[in-house]
Amino acid sequence: MNNLSNSVRLTGRLGAAPELRELENEKKVAKISLATHYYRKNGKGETVEETHWHQLVLWNKHADLAEKYLNKGSQIAVEGRLANRFYTDKDGAKHYVTEVVVSEVMLLDKAS
């Protein structure tokens, strides 16, 4: 079985600077919010823009890249896989989260 059954490609802009953490055994993780846009025609024939937000998780060398090069507004393209997880907040409410675990990152901003 191949990995194409769970594959995601996104291009967009960061909504905020990456959130970085260093974990035990020298691992790093970065979390990023990525905005993507979708354009469609409404019933009146007008173009309407929809913005969708995606939560990205970058590990180790990709987290290092995020720390060094990415800021709010940076444009990137990523490839990865969807991952679902659950957590319980301090009030006991359960939350379901879908994230993109990034395997490839491409910086799209022009060098100045």
Protein backbone atom coordinates (compact mmCIF):
# COMPACT_ATOMS: atom_id res chain seq x y z
CA MET A 1 0.00 0.00 0.00
CA ASN A 2 1.36 3.45 -0.83
CA ASN A 3 1.15 6.74 1.04
CA LEU A 4 -0.87 8.49 -1.67
CA SER A 5 -4.07 7.60 0.14
CA ASN A 6 -3.26 10.26 2.77
CA SER A 7 -1.52 13.06 0.93
CA VAL A 8 -2.05 16.82 1.16
CA ARG A 9 -0.59 19.71 -0.84
CA LEU A 10 -1.29 23.29 0.20
CA THR A 11 -0.07 26.73 -0.83
CA GLY A 12 -0.83 29.74 1.31
CA ARG A 13 0.35 32.39 3.75
CA LEU A 14 1.15 32.13 7.46
CA GLY A 15 -1.37 33.76 9.78
CA ALA A 16 1.23 34.23 12.53
CA ALA A 17 4.86 33.49 13.28
CA PRO A 18 5.57 29.78 13.89
CA GLU A 19 5.21 28.53 17.47
CA LEU A 20 8.33 26.53 18.31
CA ARG A 21 9.04 24.10 21.11
CA GLU A 22 12.06 22.02 21.97
CA LEU A 23 11.18 18.60 23.31
CA GLU A 24 13.16 16.00 25.20
CA ASN A 25 15.91 14.19 23.28
CA GLU A 26 16.66 17.31 21.19
CA LYS A 27 13.54 17.11 19.00
CA LYS A 28 11.91 20.31 17.79
CA VAL A 29 8.35 20.94 16.70
CA ALA A 30 6.81 24.00 15.06
CA LYS A 31 3.10 24.72 14.72
CA ILE A 32 1.86 27.04 11.99
CA SER A 33 -1.54 28.36 10.87
CA LEU A 34 -1.74 28.51 7.08
CA ALA A 35 -4.42 30.43 5.18
CA THR A 36 -5.50 29.19 1.77
CA HIS A 37 -7.99 30.88 -0.53
CA TYR A 38 -10.72 29.52 -2.77
CA TYR A 39 -12.54 31.64 -5.35
CA ARG A 40 -16.03 30.84 -6.63
CA LYS A 41 -18.96 32.55 -8.33
CA ASN A 42 -22.06 33.22 -6.22
CA GLY A 43 -25.65 33.16 -7.50
CA LYS A 44 -25.28 36.71 -8.85
CA GLY A 45 -22.16 35.80 -10.86
CA GLU A 46 -19.87 37.73 -8.49
CA THR A 47 -16.52 36.29 -7.51
CA VAL A 48 -16.43 35.39 -3.82
CA GLU A 49 -13.25 34.60 -1.91
CA GLU A 50 -13.30 31.98 0.85
CA THR A 51 -10.40 31.69 3.28
CA HIS A 52 -9.67 28.36 4.93
CA TRP A 53 -7.25 27.87 7.84
CA HIS A 54 -5.06 24.79 8.22
CA GLN A 55 -2.96 23.77 11.20
CA LEU A 56 0.51 22.54 10.21
CA VAL A 57 2.98 20.57 12.31
CA LEU A 58 6.66 20.59 11.33
CA TRP A 59 9.26 18.36 13.00
CA ASN A 60 13.03 18.66 13.43
CA LYS A 61 14.74 19.97 10.25
CA HIS A 62 11.47 21.47 9.02
CA ALA A 63 10.96 23.14 12.42
CA ASP A 64 14.50 24.56 12.12
CA LEU A 65 13.63 25.94 8.68
CA ALA A 66 10.44 27.50 10.05
CA GLU A 67 12.34 29.11 12.92
CA LYS A 68 14.98 30.57 10.61
CA TYR A 69 12.95 31.71 7.59
CA LEU A 70 9.21 31.97 8.30
CA ASN A 71 7.23 34.89 9.69
CA LYS A 72 3.64 36.07 9.69
CA GLY A 73 2.62 36.54 6.04
CA SER A 74 5.30 34.25 4.58
CA GLN A 75 4.08 32.35 1.53
CA ILE A 76 4.86 28.62 1.46
CA ALA A 77 3.87 25.41 -0.27
CA VAL A 78 3.78 22.21 1.77
CA GLU A 79 3.23 18.50 1.28
CA GLY A 80 2.31 16.14 4.06
CA ARG A 81 -0.34 13.90 5.54
CA LEU A 82 -3.47 14.48 7.57
CA ALA A 83 -3.37 13.46 11.22
CA ASN A 84 -6.29 13.47 13.63
CA ARG A 85 -6.02 13.69 17.38
CA PHE A 86 -8.23 14.22 20.40
CA TYR A 87 -7.55 16.10 23.59
CA THR A 88 -9.50 17.02 26.70
CA ASP A 89 -9.33 20.60 27.94
CA LYS A 90 -9.16 21.72 31.57
CA ASP A 91 -12.98 21.83 31.74
CA GLY A 92 -13.27 18.21 30.61
CA ALA A 93 -14.51 19.01 27.09
CA LYS A 94 -13.17 16.77 24.32
CA HIS A 95 -11.78 18.40 21.19
CA TYR A 96 -11.06 16.87 17.80
CA VAL A 97 -8.17 18.35 15.77
CA THR A 98 -7.06 17.69 12.20
CA GLU A 99 -3.52 18.77 11.38
CA VAL A 100 -1.18 18.48 8.40
CA VAL A 101 2.07 16.78 9.37
CA VAL A 102 4.50 18.36 6.92
CA SER A 103 7.06 16.28 5.03
CA GLU A 104 8.17 18.91 2.47
CA VAL A 105 8.32 22.73 2.60
CA MET A 106 8.94 25.18 -0.22
CA LEU A 107 9.55 28.87 0.51
CA LEU A 108 7.74 30.99 -2.09
CA ASP A 109 8.63 34.54 -1.01
CA LYS A 110 11.02 36.34 -3.34
CA ALA A 111 14.48 36.98 -1.92
CA SER A 112 15.10 40.67 -1.31
